[in-house]
N, C-alpha and C. Protein backbone atom coordinates (compact mmCIF):
# COMPACT_ATOMS: atom_id res chain seq x y z
N MET A 1 63.26 107.03 88.31
CA MET A 1 61.86 106.96 88.21
C MET A 1 61.23 107.37 89.57
N ARG A 2 61.83 106.99 90.66
CA ARG A 2 61.26 107.25 91.95
C ARG A 2 61.02 108.75 92.24
N ASP A 3 61.82 109.57 91.60
CA ASP A 3 61.64 111.04 91.68
C ASP A 3 60.35 111.56 91.00
N THR A 4 59.83 110.79 90.06
CA THR A 4 58.62 111.19 89.37
C THR A 4 57.35 110.83 90.04
N VAL A 5 57.39 109.92 90.97
CA VAL A 5 56.20 109.40 91.66
C VAL A 5 55.69 110.45 92.74
N ASP A 6 54.30 110.63 92.68
CA ASP A 6 53.66 111.43 93.66
C ASP A 6 54.13 111.01 95.15
N ARG A 7 54.52 111.92 95.91
CA ARG A 7 55.07 111.60 97.17
C ARG A 7 54.19 110.69 98.07
N SER A 8 52.92 110.88 97.99
CA SER A 8 51.96 110.04 98.73
C SER A 8 51.98 108.60 98.16
N LEU A 9 52.44 108.33 97.06
CA LEU A 9 52.48 106.96 96.53
C LEU A 9 53.90 106.47 96.39
N GLN A 10 54.82 107.09 97.12
CA GLN A 10 56.22 106.72 97.04
C GLN A 10 56.45 105.27 97.35
N PHE A 11 55.68 104.68 98.27
CA PHE A 11 55.83 103.23 98.54
C PHE A 11 55.55 102.28 97.33
N MET A 12 54.90 102.83 96.39
CA MET A 12 54.57 102.12 95.16
C MET A 12 55.62 102.47 94.02
N ALA A 13 56.64 103.13 94.33
CA ALA A 13 57.55 103.67 93.34
C ALA A 13 58.24 102.54 92.46
N GLY A 14 58.45 101.38 93.04
CA GLY A 14 59.14 100.32 92.24
C GLY A 14 58.04 99.40 91.82
N GLY A 15 58.52 98.16 91.56
CA GLY A 15 57.45 97.15 91.28
C GLY A 15 57.23 96.85 89.83
N GLY A 16 57.98 97.32 88.96
CA GLY A 16 57.74 97.06 87.52
C GLY A 16 56.36 97.38 87.01
N LYS A 17 55.82 96.45 86.18
CA LYS A 17 54.51 96.66 85.61
C LYS A 17 53.40 96.77 86.50
N VAL A 18 53.40 95.91 87.64
CA VAL A 18 52.30 95.89 88.59
C VAL A 18 52.35 97.16 89.40
N GLY A 19 53.58 97.61 89.79
CA GLY A 19 53.75 98.86 90.45
C GLY A 19 53.17 100.01 89.66
N ALA A 20 53.44 100.06 88.40
CA ALA A 20 52.89 101.11 87.55
C ALA A 20 51.38 101.06 87.48
N LEU A 21 50.81 99.86 87.40
CA LEU A 21 49.41 99.64 87.38
C LEU A 21 48.79 100.12 88.76
N MET A 22 49.40 99.86 89.79
CA MET A 22 48.96 100.28 91.16
C MET A 22 48.91 101.82 91.24
N ARG A 23 49.96 102.52 90.72
CA ARG A 23 49.99 103.91 90.74
C ARG A 23 48.88 104.57 89.97
N GLY A 24 48.55 103.91 88.82
CA GLY A 24 47.49 104.51 87.91
C GLY A 24 46.12 103.93 88.12
N HIS A 25 45.98 103.05 89.06
CA HIS A 25 44.74 102.26 89.24
C HIS A 25 43.63 103.20 89.86
N ASP A 26 42.37 102.96 89.37
CA ASP A 26 41.18 103.66 89.89
C ASP A 26 40.70 102.84 91.13
N TRP A 27 40.97 103.39 92.25
CA TRP A 27 40.79 102.58 93.54
C TRP A 27 39.32 102.79 94.13
N ILE A 28 38.49 103.52 93.40
CA ILE A 28 37.16 103.77 94.00
C ILE A 28 36.33 102.58 94.28
N ALA A 29 36.43 101.55 93.36
CA ALA A 29 35.59 100.33 93.59
C ALA A 29 36.30 99.28 94.51
N SER A 30 37.53 99.53 94.83
CA SER A 30 38.29 98.50 95.63
C SER A 30 37.92 98.60 97.10
N PRO A 31 37.82 97.47 97.73
CA PRO A 31 37.53 97.43 99.20
C PRO A 31 38.71 98.05 99.93
N LEU A 32 39.84 98.21 99.30
CA LEU A 32 41.00 98.84 99.99
C LEU A 32 40.98 100.39 100.11
N GLY A 33 40.17 100.94 99.32
CA GLY A 33 40.09 102.43 99.22
C GLY A 33 41.37 102.95 98.51
N HIS A 34 41.48 104.25 98.51
CA HIS A 34 42.62 104.94 97.92
C HIS A 34 43.90 104.65 98.72
N PRO A 35 44.99 104.46 98.01
CA PRO A 35 46.28 104.21 98.74
C PRO A 35 46.67 105.21 99.77
N THR A 36 46.31 106.52 99.59
CA THR A 36 46.65 107.50 100.55
C THR A 36 45.96 107.25 101.90
N THR A 37 44.99 106.44 101.95
CA THR A 37 44.32 106.10 103.20
C THR A 37 44.75 104.79 103.86
N TRP A 38 45.64 104.15 103.17
CA TRP A 38 46.15 102.79 103.63
C TRP A 38 46.97 103.05 104.93
N PRO A 39 46.90 102.17 105.85
CA PRO A 39 47.74 102.20 107.08
C PRO A 39 49.22 102.00 106.70
N GLN A 40 50.06 102.48 107.50
CA GLN A 40 51.51 102.36 107.21
C GLN A 40 51.90 100.90 107.11
N SER A 41 51.36 99.99 107.86
CA SER A 41 51.66 98.60 107.77
C SER A 41 51.42 98.07 106.38
N LEU A 42 50.22 98.40 105.80
CA LEU A 42 49.97 97.88 104.36
C LEU A 42 50.85 98.54 103.44
N ARG A 43 51.20 99.83 103.57
CA ARG A 43 52.16 100.45 102.68
C ARG A 43 53.49 99.71 102.69
N SER A 44 53.99 99.39 103.95
CA SER A 44 55.30 98.73 104.06
C SER A 44 55.20 97.34 103.31
N VAL A 45 54.16 96.62 103.53
CA VAL A 45 53.99 95.34 102.87
C VAL A 45 54.06 95.46 101.38
N VAL A 46 53.31 96.40 100.86
CA VAL A 46 53.21 96.63 99.37
C VAL A 46 54.57 97.04 98.82
N GLY A 47 55.32 97.91 99.53
CA GLY A 47 56.69 98.24 99.11
C GLY A 47 57.53 97.00 99.07
N LEU A 48 57.36 96.16 100.04
CA LEU A 48 58.20 94.97 100.04
C LEU A 48 57.89 93.91 98.99
N LEU A 49 56.65 93.70 98.78
CA LEU A 49 56.20 92.68 97.75
C LEU A 49 56.47 93.23 96.32
N LEU A 50 56.37 94.57 96.14
CA LEU A 50 56.70 95.12 94.80
C LEU A 50 58.09 94.91 94.44
N GLU A 51 58.96 94.95 95.37
CA GLU A 51 60.48 94.84 95.13
C GLU A 51 60.95 93.41 95.04
N SER A 52 60.05 92.47 95.48
CA SER A 52 60.50 91.04 95.41
C SER A 52 60.42 90.45 94.05
N ARG A 53 61.36 89.54 93.85
CA ARG A 53 61.36 88.74 92.56
C ARG A 53 60.50 87.47 92.76
N PHE A 54 60.14 87.14 94.06
CA PHE A 54 59.33 86.01 94.23
C PHE A 54 57.88 86.35 94.16
N PRO A 55 57.05 85.42 93.63
CA PRO A 55 55.59 85.75 93.56
C PRO A 55 55.04 85.93 94.94
N MET A 56 54.41 87.09 95.13
CA MET A 56 53.88 87.44 96.49
C MET A 56 52.55 88.20 96.30
N PHE A 57 51.66 88.00 97.28
CA PHE A 57 50.48 88.77 97.27
C PHE A 57 50.11 89.07 98.80
N VAL A 58 49.18 90.00 98.95
CA VAL A 58 48.64 90.34 100.22
C VAL A 58 47.14 90.41 100.03
N ALA A 59 46.36 89.79 100.91
CA ALA A 59 44.96 89.87 101.00
C ALA A 59 44.64 90.64 102.30
N TRP A 60 44.14 91.88 102.17
CA TRP A 60 44.15 92.83 103.30
C TRP A 60 42.73 93.26 103.69
N GLY A 61 42.52 93.38 104.96
CA GLY A 61 41.27 93.94 105.40
C GLY A 61 40.15 92.97 105.54
N LYS A 62 39.00 93.44 105.94
CA LYS A 62 37.78 92.64 106.20
C LYS A 62 37.35 91.96 104.92
N GLU A 63 37.51 92.55 103.76
CA GLU A 63 37.13 91.98 102.47
C GLU A 63 38.23 91.37 101.75
N LEU A 64 39.43 91.29 102.41
CA LEU A 64 40.66 90.63 101.79
C LEU A 64 40.95 91.22 100.35
N GLY A 65 41.19 92.61 100.36
CA GLY A 65 41.52 93.26 99.12
C GLY A 65 42.84 92.75 98.66
N PHE A 66 43.02 92.48 97.40
CA PHE A 66 44.10 91.71 96.83
C PHE A 66 45.14 92.53 96.09
N LEU A 67 46.36 92.46 96.54
CA LEU A 67 47.47 93.21 95.89
C LEU A 67 48.60 92.14 95.67
N TYR A 68 49.35 92.38 94.57
CA TYR A 68 50.45 91.36 94.20
C TYR A 68 51.57 92.04 93.38
N ASN A 69 52.51 91.22 93.05
CA ASN A 69 53.70 91.80 92.30
C ASN A 69 53.73 91.16 90.91
N ASP A 70 54.67 91.61 90.17
CA ASP A 70 54.94 91.06 88.83
C ASP A 70 54.97 89.59 88.72
N ALA A 71 55.79 89.00 89.55
CA ALA A 71 55.89 87.54 89.55
C ALA A 71 54.55 86.80 89.85
N TYR A 72 53.76 87.34 90.73
CA TYR A 72 52.48 86.72 90.98
C TYR A 72 51.49 86.96 89.82
N ALA A 73 51.70 88.05 89.07
CA ALA A 73 50.86 88.27 87.87
C ALA A 73 50.83 87.10 86.91
N GLU A 74 51.97 86.42 86.84
CA GLU A 74 52.19 85.30 85.90
C GLU A 74 51.27 84.10 86.48
N ILE A 75 51.14 83.90 87.79
CA ILE A 75 50.27 82.91 88.36
C ILE A 75 48.79 83.23 88.08
N LEU A 76 48.47 84.52 88.14
CA LEU A 76 47.13 84.93 87.90
C LEU A 76 46.62 84.71 86.42
N GLY A 77 47.58 84.72 85.56
CA GLY A 77 47.25 84.50 84.11
C GLY A 77 46.28 85.57 83.61
N THR A 78 45.10 85.02 83.06
CA THR A 78 44.09 85.90 82.46
C THR A 78 43.33 86.76 83.55
N LYS A 79 43.50 86.42 84.78
CA LYS A 79 42.84 87.24 85.86
C LYS A 79 43.56 88.56 86.13
N HIS A 80 44.80 88.65 85.61
CA HIS A 80 45.62 89.88 85.72
C HIS A 80 45.33 90.73 84.45
N PRO A 81 45.03 91.96 84.59
CA PRO A 81 45.23 92.90 85.77
C PRO A 81 43.80 93.18 86.49
N ARG A 82 42.80 92.51 86.07
CA ARG A 82 41.47 92.64 86.66
C ARG A 82 41.62 92.37 88.22
N ALA A 83 42.43 91.42 88.63
CA ALA A 83 42.52 91.17 90.10
C ALA A 83 43.03 92.21 91.02
N LEU A 84 43.71 93.18 90.39
CA LEU A 84 44.32 94.22 91.28
C LEU A 84 43.29 95.07 92.03
N GLY A 85 43.43 94.91 93.34
CA GLY A 85 42.51 95.65 94.29
C GLY A 85 41.12 95.00 94.48
N SER A 86 41.01 93.82 93.87
CA SER A 86 39.61 93.11 93.93
C SER A 86 39.61 92.29 95.23
N ARG A 87 38.42 91.70 95.48
CA ARG A 87 38.34 90.82 96.69
C ARG A 87 38.91 89.44 96.41
N PHE A 88 39.63 88.97 97.26
CA PHE A 88 40.20 87.70 97.13
C PHE A 88 39.21 86.57 96.74
N TYR A 89 38.07 86.57 97.30
CA TYR A 89 37.07 85.52 96.88
C TYR A 89 36.67 85.76 95.49
N ASP A 90 36.56 87.01 94.98
CA ASP A 90 36.09 87.20 93.60
C ASP A 90 37.17 86.74 92.61
N ILE A 91 38.41 86.77 93.03
CA ILE A 91 39.51 86.34 92.12
C ILE A 91 39.56 84.85 92.12
N TRP A 92 39.53 84.22 93.23
CA TRP A 92 39.72 82.78 93.32
C TRP A 92 38.41 82.02 93.77
N SER A 93 37.27 82.46 93.30
CA SER A 93 36.02 81.79 93.71
C SER A 93 35.94 80.32 93.34
N GLU A 94 36.52 79.93 92.19
CA GLU A 94 36.55 78.56 91.70
C GLU A 94 37.28 77.58 92.63
N ILE A 95 38.20 78.06 93.53
CA ILE A 95 38.94 77.29 94.39
C ILE A 95 38.75 77.74 95.89
N TRP A 96 37.74 78.54 96.12
CA TRP A 96 37.53 79.05 97.42
C TRP A 96 37.45 78.07 98.50
N ALA A 97 36.74 76.97 98.27
CA ALA A 97 36.56 75.91 99.23
C ALA A 97 37.87 75.35 99.77
N ASP A 98 38.91 75.34 98.87
CA ASP A 98 40.16 74.82 99.21
C ASP A 98 41.08 75.87 99.94
N ILE A 99 40.94 77.13 99.55
CA ILE A 99 41.84 78.14 100.09
C ILE A 99 41.27 78.89 101.22
N SER A 100 39.98 78.90 101.37
CA SER A 100 39.34 79.76 102.45
C SER A 100 39.91 79.42 103.84
N PRO A 101 40.28 78.17 104.18
CA PRO A 101 40.87 77.83 105.48
C PRO A 101 42.09 78.58 105.74
N LEU A 102 42.79 79.03 104.69
CA LEU A 102 44.08 79.73 104.89
C LEU A 102 43.82 81.23 105.34
N THR A 103 42.58 81.67 105.11
CA THR A 103 42.24 83.08 105.43
C THR A 103 41.89 83.18 106.86
N PRO A 104 42.43 84.17 107.49
CA PRO A 104 42.14 84.43 108.94
C PRO A 104 40.64 84.88 109.11
N ARG A 105 40.07 84.60 110.24
CA ARG A 105 38.69 84.98 110.58
C ARG A 105 38.57 86.40 111.17
N LYS A 106 39.59 86.82 111.90
CA LYS A 106 39.55 88.11 112.55
C LYS A 106 40.64 88.95 112.08
N ALA A 107 40.41 90.24 111.73
CA ALA A 107 41.45 91.21 111.33
C ALA A 107 42.30 90.57 110.26
N PRO A 108 41.77 90.18 109.17
CA PRO A 108 42.53 89.39 108.16
C PRO A 108 43.53 90.29 107.42
N GLN A 109 44.74 89.82 107.48
CA GLN A 109 45.86 90.46 106.66
C GLN A 109 46.73 89.29 106.35
N ARG A 110 47.02 88.97 105.15
CA ARG A 110 47.80 87.84 104.81
C ARG A 110 48.87 88.27 103.74
N VAL A 111 50.03 87.86 103.93
CA VAL A 111 51.09 88.00 103.01
C VAL A 111 51.48 86.62 102.55
N CYS A 112 51.45 86.32 101.27
CA CYS A 112 51.79 84.98 100.81
C CYS A 112 53.00 85.07 99.82
N ARG A 113 53.91 84.14 99.88
CA ARG A 113 55.03 84.09 98.86
C ARG A 113 54.85 82.76 98.24
N HIS A 114 54.94 82.67 97.00
CA HIS A 114 54.81 81.39 96.23
C HIS A 114 56.13 81.15 95.53
N TRP A 115 56.43 79.91 95.40
CA TRP A 115 57.65 79.63 94.65
C TRP A 115 57.33 78.29 93.88
N LYS A 116 58.09 78.11 92.80
CA LYS A 116 57.86 76.99 91.94
C LYS A 116 59.09 76.12 91.99
N GLU A 117 58.94 74.82 92.15
CA GLU A 117 60.01 73.88 92.06
C GLU A 117 59.46 72.76 91.18
N ALA A 118 60.17 72.50 90.09
CA ALA A 118 59.79 71.48 89.13
C ALA A 118 58.39 71.81 88.66
N ALA A 119 57.41 70.93 88.78
CA ALA A 119 56.06 71.13 88.31
C ALA A 119 55.10 71.48 89.45
N SER A 120 55.63 71.55 90.70
CA SER A 120 54.77 71.84 91.82
C SER A 120 54.87 73.29 92.31
N ARG A 121 53.82 73.65 93.02
CA ARG A 121 53.78 74.98 93.61
C ARG A 121 53.59 74.84 95.06
N SER A 122 54.22 75.67 95.85
CA SER A 122 53.96 75.74 97.22
C SER A 122 53.67 77.14 97.70
N ALA A 123 53.08 77.31 98.82
CA ALA A 123 52.77 78.65 99.37
C ALA A 123 53.12 78.72 100.83
N ASN A 124 53.66 79.86 101.19
CA ASN A 124 53.87 80.15 102.56
C ASN A 124 53.09 81.38 102.98
N CYS A 125 52.10 81.18 103.88
CA CYS A 125 51.28 82.39 104.16
C CYS A 125 51.41 82.62 105.59
N SER A 126 51.46 83.98 106.02
CA SER A 126 51.62 84.27 107.39
C SER A 126 50.88 85.57 107.64
N PRO A 127 50.27 85.67 108.87
CA PRO A 127 49.56 86.87 109.23
C PRO A 127 50.56 88.07 109.31
N TYR A 128 50.07 89.22 109.11
CA TYR A 128 50.89 90.40 109.18
C TYR A 128 50.04 91.47 109.87
N GLY A 129 50.72 92.30 110.62
CA GLY A 129 50.01 93.48 111.27
C GLY A 129 49.46 93.03 112.60
N ARG A 130 48.74 93.98 113.13
CA ARG A 130 48.05 93.75 114.42
C ARG A 130 46.87 92.87 114.33
N ARG A 131 46.49 92.20 115.38
CA ARG A 131 45.35 91.44 115.45
C ARG A 131 44.27 92.05 116.25
């Protein structure tokens, strides 16, 4: 499959269903812009999260453009696939008061990994890239 992916989108070559959605997505309305304009650091993060079996997402840039993997699509439920490339706030507006403190105020780039144990959910978020 990797051989059939446009060379400029090679970093999205894996990733199951969400990877395929990313490759075919119309990025015009996204705050992230077209993937060919993304910095190498974002491309690397996307390649990593698409290959992960753990639920992961990245909220990138000033407007926190939202990207995620197949495992995180399950967490999104009916918000998937509409959430792809959207603003983090627009996706999670109903819980924004609770999660906004997790978002950085300057040069925001977040990578989060979620895992499920029993009936609880945990999140591990860390800044990525230059500040």
